């Protein structure tokens, strides 16, 4: 019998609260808190599959260890769809990294 070895999960770097956003008719703005829970500096960004419908400020940046930031999500028009989704990406960043675009470029693995 072949035993399956569990794949180690990557370390969690950040938390987002709340995880579910509700845009009701009265208010089309939500406030999220984004916290670095690691002991390292991280680069982060928020992506959306409907970027013309939402304004996210700030949508990227750096956080030092245990630092927290509030992110405002604004629904541009009342054209919400249940398939709209946000993705939060975070990765460790060295103290001398300052260009967010470069820090999220994928490193090619030699074959």
Protein backbone atom coordinates (compact mmCIF):
# COMPACT_ATOMS: atom_id res chain seq x y z
CA UNK A 1 0.00 0.00 0.00
CA UNK A 2 1.17 3.45 -0.88
CA UNK A 3 0.83 5.99 1.91
CA UNK A 4 -0.11 9.53 1.07
CA UNK A 5 2.05 12.13 2.70
CA UNK A 6 0.27 15.33 3.56
CA UNK A 7 1.49 18.40 1.74
CA UNK A 8 2.52 21.07 4.21
CA UNK A 9 0.35 24.14 3.93
CA UNK A 10 2.06 27.49 3.41
CA UNK A 11 2.28 29.70 6.48
CA UNK A 12 -0.52 32.18 7.02
CA UNK A 13 0.72 35.71 6.69
CA UNK A 14 -2.42 37.81 7.09
CA UNK A 15 -6.04 37.87 8.19
CA UNK A 16 -8.98 39.68 6.64
CA UNK A 17 -12.05 40.64 8.62
CA UNK A 18 -14.91 40.32 7.69
CA UNK A 19 -14.60 37.48 5.19
CA UNK A 20 -18.06 38.04 3.69
CA UNK A 21 -19.07 41.45 2.34
CA UNK A 22 -22.68 42.59 2.18
CA UNK A 23 -23.55 45.57 0.00
CA UNK A 24 -27.14 46.54 0.77
CA UNK A 25 -29.13 49.23 -1.02
CA UNK A 26 -28.59 51.90 1.63
CA UNK A 27 -24.81 51.81 1.76
CA UNK A 28 -22.49 50.64 -0.92
CA UNK A 29 -19.29 50.94 1.12
CA UNK A 30 -17.67 48.26 3.27
CA UNK A 31 -14.68 48.55 5.57
CA UNK A 32 -12.30 45.59 5.92
CA UNK A 33 -9.43 45.24 8.31
CA UNK A 34 -6.31 43.57 6.99
CA UNK A 35 -3.71 42.44 9.53
CA UNK A 36 -0.21 41.05 9.16
CA UNK A 37 -0.11 38.12 11.61
CA UNK A 38 3.42 37.04 10.73
CA UNK A 39 6.64 38.24 12.29
CA UNK A 40 7.94 39.43 8.92
CA UNK A 41 7.25 42.37 6.64
CA UNK A 42 4.75 41.47 3.90
CA UNK A 43 3.70 42.85 0.53
CA UNK A 44 -0.04 42.58 -0.11
CA UNK A 45 -2.58 43.38 -2.80
CA UNK A 46 -6.30 42.94 -3.36
CA UNK A 47 -7.61 41.82 -6.75
CA UNK A 48 -11.21 41.68 -7.99
CA UNK A 49 -12.82 39.82 -10.88
CA UNK A 50 -14.99 42.89 -11.61
CA UNK A 51 -12.50 45.77 -11.31
CA UNK A 52 -14.74 48.34 -13.02
CA UNK A 53 -17.49 47.84 -10.44
CA UNK A 54 -15.44 48.34 -7.27
CA UNK A 55 -12.98 50.86 -5.89
CA UNK A 56 -10.59 49.43 -3.30
CA UNK A 57 -8.44 51.91 -1.34
CA UNK A 58 -5.71 51.17 -0.60
CA UNK A 59 -5.47 48.13 -2.87
CA UNK A 60 -1.81 47.25 -2.27
CA UNK A 61 1.04 47.99 0.05
CA UNK A 62 3.47 46.76 2.65
CA UNK A 63 2.82 45.91 6.28
CA UNK A 64 5.36 45.44 9.03
CA UNK A 65 4.95 42.61 11.52
CA UNK A 66 1.66 42.67 13.43
CA UNK A 67 0.60 45.88 11.63
CA UNK A 68 -3.06 46.46 10.69
CA UNK A 69 -4.68 48.57 7.98
CA UNK A 70 -8.31 49.37 7.17
CA UNK A 71 -9.31 48.91 3.53
CA UNK A 72 -12.40 50.58 2.06
CA UNK A 73 -14.35 48.74 -0.65
CA UNK A 74 -16.81 50.87 -2.61
CA UNK A 75 -19.37 49.42 -5.00
CA UNK A 76 -19.31 51.83 -7.98
CA UNK A 77 -22.85 51.20 -9.10
CA UNK A 78 -25.61 48.97 -7.89
CA UNK A 79 -24.57 46.30 -10.36
CA UNK A 80 -23.63 43.68 -7.83
CA UNK A 81 -23.46 40.06 -8.94
CA UNK A 82 -23.10 37.06 -6.65
CA UNK A 83 -20.11 35.83 -8.65
CA UNK A 84 -18.04 38.94 -7.89
CA UNK A 85 -15.04 37.98 -5.79
CA UNK A 86 -12.03 39.56 -4.16
CA UNK A 87 -8.67 37.85 -3.77
CA UNK A 88 -6.15 38.97 -1.18
CA UNK A 89 -2.55 38.04 -1.95
CA UNK A 90 0.31 38.39 0.51
CA UNK A 91 3.95 37.38 0.44
CA UNK A 92 6.95 38.07 2.59
CA UNK A 93 8.93 41.14 1.55
CA UNK A 94 12.47 42.09 2.43
CA UNK A 95 12.97 45.41 4.16
CA UNK A 96 14.70 46.87 1.07
CA UNK A 97 11.84 45.95 -1.31
CA UNK A 98 9.80 49.01 -2.19
CA UNK A 99 8.39 48.26 -5.64
CA UNK A 100 5.14 46.36 -5.20
CA UNK A 101 4.96 45.31 -8.86
CA UNK A 102 8.36 43.67 -8.77
CA UNK A 103 7.62 41.87 -5.52
CA UNK A 104 4.64 40.07 -7.06
CA UNK A 105 6.29 38.96 -10.30
CA UNK A 106 6.52 35.22 -10.46
CA UNK A 107 9.95 33.69 -10.40
CA UNK A 108 10.45 31.23 -13.23
CA UNK A 109 11.56 27.78 -12.22
CA UNK A 110 14.29 26.36 -14.46
CA UNK A 111 13.33 23.12 -16.16
